[in-house]
N, C-alpha and C. Protein backbone atom coordinates (compact mmCIF):
# COMPACT_ATOMS: atom_id res chain seq x y z
N UNK A 1 59.65 129.39 97.39
CA UNK A 1 60.53 129.75 96.09
C UNK A 1 61.83 128.59 95.97
N UNK A 2 62.03 128.47 97.08
CA UNK A 2 63.19 127.90 97.82
C UNK A 2 62.53 126.18 97.47
N UNK A 3 62.09 125.85 96.67
CA UNK A 3 61.70 124.89 96.56
C UNK A 3 61.50 124.28 94.63
N UNK A 4 60.69 123.16 94.69
CA UNK A 4 60.26 122.87 93.47
C UNK A 4 58.74 123.22 92.70
N UNK A 5 57.98 123.25 93.88
CA UNK A 5 56.52 123.24 93.72
C UNK A 5 56.37 124.35 92.91
N UNK A 6 56.92 125.67 92.58
CA UNK A 6 56.44 126.71 91.95
C UNK A 6 56.48 126.74 90.35
N UNK A 7 57.68 125.58 89.94
CA UNK A 7 58.04 125.47 88.40
C UNK A 7 56.65 125.21 87.73
N UNK A 8 56.65 125.28 86.47
CA UNK A 8 56.17 125.39 85.33
C UNK A 8 55.46 123.78 85.28
N UNK A 9 56.13 122.64 85.08
CA UNK A 9 55.34 121.75 85.01
C UNK A 9 54.80 121.58 83.53
N UNK A 10 53.61 121.16 83.53
CA UNK A 10 52.76 120.94 82.26
C UNK A 10 51.62 122.36 81.85
N UNK A 11 51.84 123.04 82.70
CA UNK A 11 51.30 124.49 82.42
C UNK A 11 51.87 125.45 81.52
N UNK A 12 51.13 126.29 80.69
CA UNK A 12 51.26 127.42 80.07
C UNK A 12 52.27 128.53 80.38
N UNK A 13 53.25 129.00 79.78
CA UNK A 13 54.02 129.64 80.42
C UNK A 13 53.54 131.09 80.97
N UNK A 14 52.20 131.76 80.19
CA UNK A 14 51.49 132.42 80.86
C UNK A 14 50.42 132.08 82.21
N UNK A 15 50.59 130.97 82.68
CA UNK A 15 50.20 130.35 83.51
C UNK A 15 51.03 130.25 84.92
N UNK A 16 52.22 129.94 84.29
CA UNK A 16 53.43 129.89 85.40
C UNK A 16 53.85 130.80 85.79
N UNK A 17 53.96 132.53 84.82
CA UNK A 17 53.76 133.62 85.01
C UNK A 17 53.00 134.27 86.05
N UNK A 18 52.14 134.47 85.63
CA UNK A 18 50.87 134.39 86.58
C UNK A 18 51.53 134.37 87.85
N UNK A 19 51.63 133.16 88.70
CA UNK A 19 51.79 132.40 89.76
C UNK A 19 52.98 132.77 90.16
N UNK A 20 54.17 132.66 89.08
CA UNK A 20 55.42 133.56 89.81
C UNK A 20 55.29 134.96 89.83
N UNK A 21 54.56 135.87 89.03
CA UNK A 21 55.07 137.31 89.47
C UNK A 21 54.43 137.31 90.76
N UNK A 22 52.84 136.61 91.21
CA UNK A 22 52.59 136.80 92.89
C UNK A 22 53.70 135.94 93.76
N UNK A 23 54.41 135.18 93.30
CA UNK A 23 55.28 134.55 94.64
C UNK A 23 56.33 135.61 94.61
N UNK A 24 56.67 136.34 93.70
CA UNK A 24 58.23 137.30 93.51
C UNK A 24 57.82 138.38 94.70
N UNK A 25 56.26 138.89 94.35
CA UNK A 25 55.65 140.00 94.93
C UNK A 25 55.88 139.74 96.56
N UNK A 26 54.69 138.55 96.70
CA UNK A 26 54.81 137.81 98.34
C UNK A 26 56.32 138.00 98.74
N UNK A 27 57.05 137.19 98.54
CA UNK A 27 58.80 136.78 98.89
C UNK A 27 59.55 138.70 99.31
N UNK A 28 59.17 138.94 98.56
CA UNK A 28 59.76 140.61 98.63
C UNK A 28 60.97 140.58 97.65
N UNK A 29 61.40 139.96 96.82
CA UNK A 29 62.88 139.66 96.22
C UNK A 29 62.19 140.75 94.95
N UNK A 30 63.59 141.58 94.86
CA UNK A 30 63.70 142.94 93.81
C UNK A 30 64.88 142.72 93.12
N UNK A 31 65.90 141.67 93.55
CA UNK A 31 67.08 141.77 92.70
C UNK A 31 66.70 141.00 91.42
N UNK A 32 66.96 141.48 90.39
CA UNK A 32 66.56 141.28 89.00
C UNK A 32 67.41 140.05 88.76
N UNK A 33 68.51 139.78 89.15
CA UNK A 33 69.47 138.76 88.88
C UNK A 33 68.70 137.32 89.90
N UNK A 34 68.26 137.60 91.14
CA UNK A 34 67.81 136.45 91.51
C UNK A 34 66.77 136.00 90.79
N UNK A 35 65.79 137.14 90.79
CA UNK A 35 64.34 136.85 90.01
C UNK A 35 64.45 136.10 88.61
N UNK A 36 65.74 136.66 87.91
CA UNK A 36 65.64 135.34 86.38
C UNK A 36 66.26 134.13 86.66
N UNK A 37 67.16 134.25 87.69
CA UNK A 37 67.52 132.54 88.05
C UNK A 37 66.04 132.17 88.60
N UNK A 38 65.64 132.43 89.36
CA UNK A 38 64.39 131.88 89.69
C UNK A 38 63.44 131.32 88.82
N UNK A 39 63.09 132.12 87.88
CA UNK A 39 62.17 132.25 86.97
C UNK A 39 62.66 131.32 86.08
N UNK A 40 63.91 131.17 85.36
CA UNK A 40 64.62 130.11 84.75
C UNK A 40 64.64 129.00 85.53
N UNK A 41 65.12 128.76 86.49
CA UNK A 41 65.06 127.80 86.72
C UNK A 41 63.54 126.55 87.26
N UNK A 42 62.34 127.31 87.21
CA UNK A 42 61.26 126.87 87.22
C UNK A 42 60.53 126.49 85.57
N UNK A 43 61.33 127.28 84.69
CA UNK A 43 60.73 127.58 83.49
C UNK A 43 61.20 126.05 82.93
N UNK A 44 60.13 125.68 81.84
CA UNK A 44 60.56 124.67 81.36
C UNK A 44 61.88 124.18 80.83
N UNK A 45 62.66 123.46 80.90
CA UNK A 45 63.83 123.13 80.47
C UNK A 45 64.24 123.62 79.03
N UNK A 46 63.69 122.97 78.40
CA UNK A 46 63.80 123.22 76.28
C UNK A 46 63.38 124.67 76.24
N UNK A 47 62.29 125.45 76.73
CA UNK A 47 62.08 126.86 76.52
C UNK A 47 63.47 127.49 77.06
N UNK A 48 63.84 127.61 78.31
CA UNK A 48 64.96 128.16 78.91
C UNK A 48 66.50 127.88 78.50
N UNK A 49 66.37 127.17 78.18
CA UNK A 49 67.78 126.42 77.25
C UNK A 49 67.61 127.09 75.20
N UNK A 50 66.68 127.48 74.85
CA UNK A 50 66.26 128.30 73.99
C UNK A 50 66.94 129.57 74.03
N UNK A 51 66.49 130.37 74.82
CA UNK A 51 66.75 131.71 75.35
C UNK A 51 68.13 131.92 75.60
N UNK A 52 68.55 130.82 76.70
CA UNK A 52 69.74 131.06 76.81
C UNK A 52 70.73 130.48 75.59
N UNK A 53 70.29 129.82 74.73
CA UNK A 53 71.54 129.63 73.58
C UNK A 53 71.42 130.46 72.20
N UNK A 54 69.96 131.77 72.37
CA UNK A 54 70.24 132.33 71.56
C UNK A 54 71.46 133.13 71.09
N UNK A 55 71.85 133.55 69.77
CA UNK A 55 72.91 134.26 69.71
C UNK A 55 72.64 135.48 69.51
N UNK A 56 71.59 136.02 69.50
CA UNK A 56 71.15 137.77 69.38
C UNK A 56 69.70 137.41 69.83
N UNK A 57 69.73 139.07 70.99
CA UNK A 57 68.74 139.14 71.67
C UNK A 57 68.66 138.22 72.80
N UNK A 58 69.60 137.45 73.10
CA UNK A 58 69.57 137.02 74.54
C UNK A 58 69.30 138.08 75.52
N UNK A 59 68.26 138.12 76.29
CA UNK A 59 68.22 138.69 77.50
C UNK A 59 69.22 138.70 78.59
N UNK A 60 69.88 139.37 79.08
CA UNK A 60 70.78 139.57 80.32
C UNK A 60 70.52 138.49 81.43
N UNK A 61 71.35 138.01 82.03
CA UNK A 61 70.53 137.93 83.57
C UNK A 61 70.32 138.96 84.61
N UNK A 62 69.88 139.84 84.24
CA UNK A 62 69.52 140.77 85.07
C UNK A 62 68.21 141.52 84.35
N UNK A 63 67.82 140.91 82.95
CA UNK A 63 66.51 141.78 82.58
C UNK A 63 64.98 140.47 82.73
N UNK A 64 64.44 140.65 84.10
CA UNK A 64 63.61 139.73 83.80
C UNK A 64 62.43 139.70 82.99
N UNK A 65 61.87 141.07 82.61
CA UNK A 65 61.19 141.04 81.73
C UNK A 65 61.59 140.71 80.46
N UNK A 66 62.49 140.71 79.88
CA UNK A 66 63.13 139.95 78.40
C UNK A 66 62.82 138.75 78.58
N UNK A 67 63.41 137.73 79.93
CA UNK A 67 63.34 136.19 79.64
C UNK A 67 61.62 136.09 80.11
N UNK A 68 60.76 137.07 80.43
CA UNK A 68 59.16 136.69 80.47
C UNK A 68 58.48 136.59 79.25
N UNK A 69 59.23 137.71 78.36
CA UNK A 69 58.39 138.03 76.96
C UNK A 69 58.89 136.68 76.55
N UNK A 70 60.25 136.91 76.28
CA UNK A 70 61.01 135.20 75.28
C UNK A 70 59.84 134.19 75.27
N UNK A 71 59.88 134.02 76.68
CA UNK A 71 59.64 132.65 77.39
C UNK A 71 57.80 132.45 76.52
N UNK A 72 57.02 133.41 76.85
CA UNK A 72 55.50 133.33 76.36
C UNK A 72 55.58 133.84 74.82
N UNK A 73 56.91 133.99 74.38
CA UNK A 73 56.76 134.25 72.97
C UNK A 73 57.35 133.03 72.49
N UNK A 74 57.82 132.24 72.83
CA UNK A 74 58.43 130.69 72.50
C UNK A 74 57.20 129.66 72.87
N UNK A 75 56.38 129.77 73.95
CA UNK A 75 55.54 129.02 74.15
C UNK A 75 54.32 128.84 73.56
N UNK A 76 54.07 130.35 72.82
CA UNK A 76 53.03 130.86 71.68
C UNK A 76 53.49 130.19 70.65
N UNK A 77 54.55 130.30 69.90
CA UNK A 77 54.99 129.68 69.23
C UNK A 77 54.60 128.41 68.99
N UNK A 78 55.13 127.41 70.05
CA UNK A 78 55.32 125.96 70.46
C UNK A 78 53.33 125.77 70.25
N UNK A 79 52.77 126.40 70.90
CA UNK A 79 51.13 126.36 70.82
C UNK A 79 50.73 126.25 69.24
N UNK A 80 51.33 127.25 68.45
CA UNK A 80 51.02 127.74 67.14
C UNK A 80 51.08 126.50 66.21
N UNK A 81 52.42 126.26 66.18
CA UNK A 81 52.93 125.15 65.26
C UNK A 81 52.00 123.81 65.88
N UNK A 82 51.52 123.67 67.15
CA UNK A 82 51.38 122.65 67.24
C UNK A 82 49.95 122.55 66.77
N UNK A 83 49.19 123.57 66.97
CA UNK A 83 47.51 123.60 66.24
C UNK A 83 48.09 123.43 64.90
N UNK A 84 48.90 124.24 63.92
CA UNK A 84 48.93 123.71 62.52
C UNK A 84 49.17 122.61 62.00
N UNK A 85 50.42 122.04 62.78
CA UNK A 85 50.57 120.86 62.60
C UNK A 85 49.68 119.05 62.42
N UNK A 86 48.62 119.80 63.57
CA UNK A 86 47.16 118.77 64.16
C UNK A 86 46.52 119.07 63.08
N UNK A 87 46.27 120.68 62.37
CA UNK A 87 45.14 120.38 61.59
C UNK A 87 45.39 119.79 60.10
N UNK A 88 46.93 119.97 60.04
CA UNK A 88 47.51 119.54 58.71
C UNK A 88 48.04 117.66 58.79
N UNK A 89 47.16 117.32 59.33
CA UNK A 89 47.72 115.87 59.44
C UNK A 89 46.54 114.67 58.18
N UNK A 90 47.20 114.00 58.29
CA UNK A 90 45.84 112.69 57.40
C UNK A 90 46.61 111.82 57.90
N UNK A 91 45.35 110.80 57.57
CA UNK A 91 45.42 109.91 58.80
C UNK A 91 46.45 109.09 58.83
N UNK A 92 47.17 108.97 57.62
CA UNK A 92 48.41 108.07 57.47
C UNK A 92 49.42 108.94 58.87
N UNK A 93 49.68 109.78 58.39
CA UNK A 93 50.71 110.64 59.58
C UNK A 93 50.23 111.09 60.83
N UNK A 94 49.27 110.66 61.50
CA UNK A 94 48.73 110.63 62.77
C UNK A 94 49.27 109.48 63.47
N UNK A 95 49.45 110.30 64.75
CA UNK A 95 50.32 109.20 65.37
C UNK A 95 50.23 109.66 67.05
N UNK A 96 49.65 108.87 68.18
CA UNK A 96 49.75 108.87 69.07
C UNK A 96 50.21 110.32 70.06
N UNK A 97 49.44 111.40 70.67
CA UNK A 97 50.40 112.51 71.28
C UNK A 97 49.77 112.40 72.63
N UNK A 98 51.24 112.71 73.32
CA UNK A 98 51.59 112.64 74.62
C UNK A 98 50.28 113.46 75.71
N UNK A 99 50.55 113.10 76.64
CA UNK A 99 49.56 114.07 77.54
C UNK A 99 49.90 115.22 77.42
N UNK A 100 51.48 115.31 77.76
CA UNK A 100 52.38 116.08 77.88
C UNK A 100 52.36 117.20 76.68
N UNK A 101 51.86 118.31 77.15
CA UNK A 101 51.97 119.24 76.23
C UNK A 101 53.37 119.74 75.86
N UNK A 102 54.10 119.58 76.24
CA UNK A 102 56.06 119.78 75.96
C UNK A 102 56.60 118.90 75.49
N UNK A 103 56.00 117.56 75.50
CA UNK A 103 56.54 116.39 75.22
C UNK A 103 57.49 116.58 73.67
N UNK A 104 56.93 117.23 73.06
CA UNK A 104 57.69 117.31 71.48
C UNK A 104 57.91 118.31 71.12
N UNK A 105 58.06 119.67 71.91
CA UNK A 105 58.75 120.62 71.76
C UNK A 105 60.15 121.14 70.84
N UNK A 106 59.66 121.27 70.15
CA UNK A 106 60.57 121.87 69.42
C UNK A 106 60.65 123.04 68.62
N UNK A 107 61.28 124.12 69.66
CA UNK A 107 61.37 125.67 69.12
C UNK A 107 61.63 125.78 67.62
N UNK A 108 60.70 126.85 66.98
CA UNK A 108 61.29 127.00 65.70
C UNK A 108 60.60 128.56 65.95
N UNK A 109 61.35 129.41 65.68
CA UNK A 109 61.15 130.96 65.51
C UNK A 109 61.25 131.18 64.41
N UNK A 110 60.25 132.12 63.53
CA UNK A 110 60.30 132.49 62.12
C UNK A 110 61.20 133.65 62.66
N UNK A 111 62.10 134.06 60.93
CA UNK A 111 62.94 134.96 61.31
C UNK A 111 62.51 136.55 61.59
N UNK A 112 61.03 136.74 61.58
CA UNK A 112 60.44 138.06 61.83
C UNK A 112 59.82 138.20 63.50
N UNK A 113 59.93 137.01 63.98
CA UNK A 113 59.73 136.70 65.23
C UNK A 113 61.32 137.10 66.69
N UNK A 114 62.52 136.76 65.51
CA UNK A 114 63.29 136.34 66.54
C UNK A 114 63.92 137.43 67.60
N UNK A 115 64.14 138.15 68.14
CA UNK A 115 64.57 139.13 68.28
C UNK A 115 66.32 140.03 68.12
N UNK A 116 66.19 141.21 68.05
CA UNK A 116 67.03 141.68 67.35
C UNK A 116 68.16 141.95 68.53
N UNK A 117 69.40 142.41 68.32
CA UNK A 117 70.18 142.98 70.01
C UNK A 117 71.56 142.04 69.71
N UNK A 118 71.89 142.82 70.23
CA UNK A 118 73.61 142.37 70.76
C UNK A 118 73.69 140.74 70.52
N UNK A 119 74.77 140.30 70.90
CA UNK A 119 75.26 139.02 70.76
C UNK A 119 74.75 138.62 71.96
N UNK A 120 74.42 137.30 72.41
CA UNK A 120 74.88 136.94 73.82
C UNK A 120 75.55 136.43 74.20
N UNK A 121 76.34 137.02 75.06
CA UNK A 121 77.93 136.40 75.16
C UNK A 121 78.11 136.57 76.91
N UNK A 122 77.15 136.35 78.00
CA UNK A 122 77.21 136.30 79.03
C UNK A 122 77.03 134.62 79.33
N UNK A 123 77.53 134.30 79.61
CA UNK A 123 77.68 132.95 80.67
C UNK A 123 76.43 133.13 81.81
N UNK A 124 75.52 132.26 81.82
CA UNK A 124 74.72 132.10 83.14
C UNK A 124 75.34 132.08 84.11
N UNK A 125 74.77 132.45 85.53
CA UNK A 125 75.64 132.29 86.84
C UNK A 125 74.66 131.09 87.27
N UNK A 126 75.99 130.70 87.66
CA UNK A 126 75.19 129.16 88.41
C UNK A 126 74.77 129.05 89.48
N UNK A 127 75.07 129.76 90.01
CA UNK A 127 73.93 130.69 91.59
C UNK A 127 72.77 130.59 90.96
């Protein structure tokens, strides 16, 4: 967990999280802040940035389950949006697709999928 071999890379958040949970268990980490920092460090940067910038519903840096849930939700929203966009393309709008499934990731949350909660005012711990 000290290197970057566990990072998400091109995998889905579900796949990344499965391996991450195993590594956390094997490593013996129990401190929630450490777990969140490690998870966020390996998470696709675009997803991590969206969660960290949320005005409401932003999980704290000691809420690993909040981070896990929102990351999965954002990744599923991205995949559903890509599938929808692909099914509604006309021959004139087809563009070459990147082999990286996250290359054109633009998070879009429907109002009903945005968690409600207190305004996120914490600053991430750089360590």
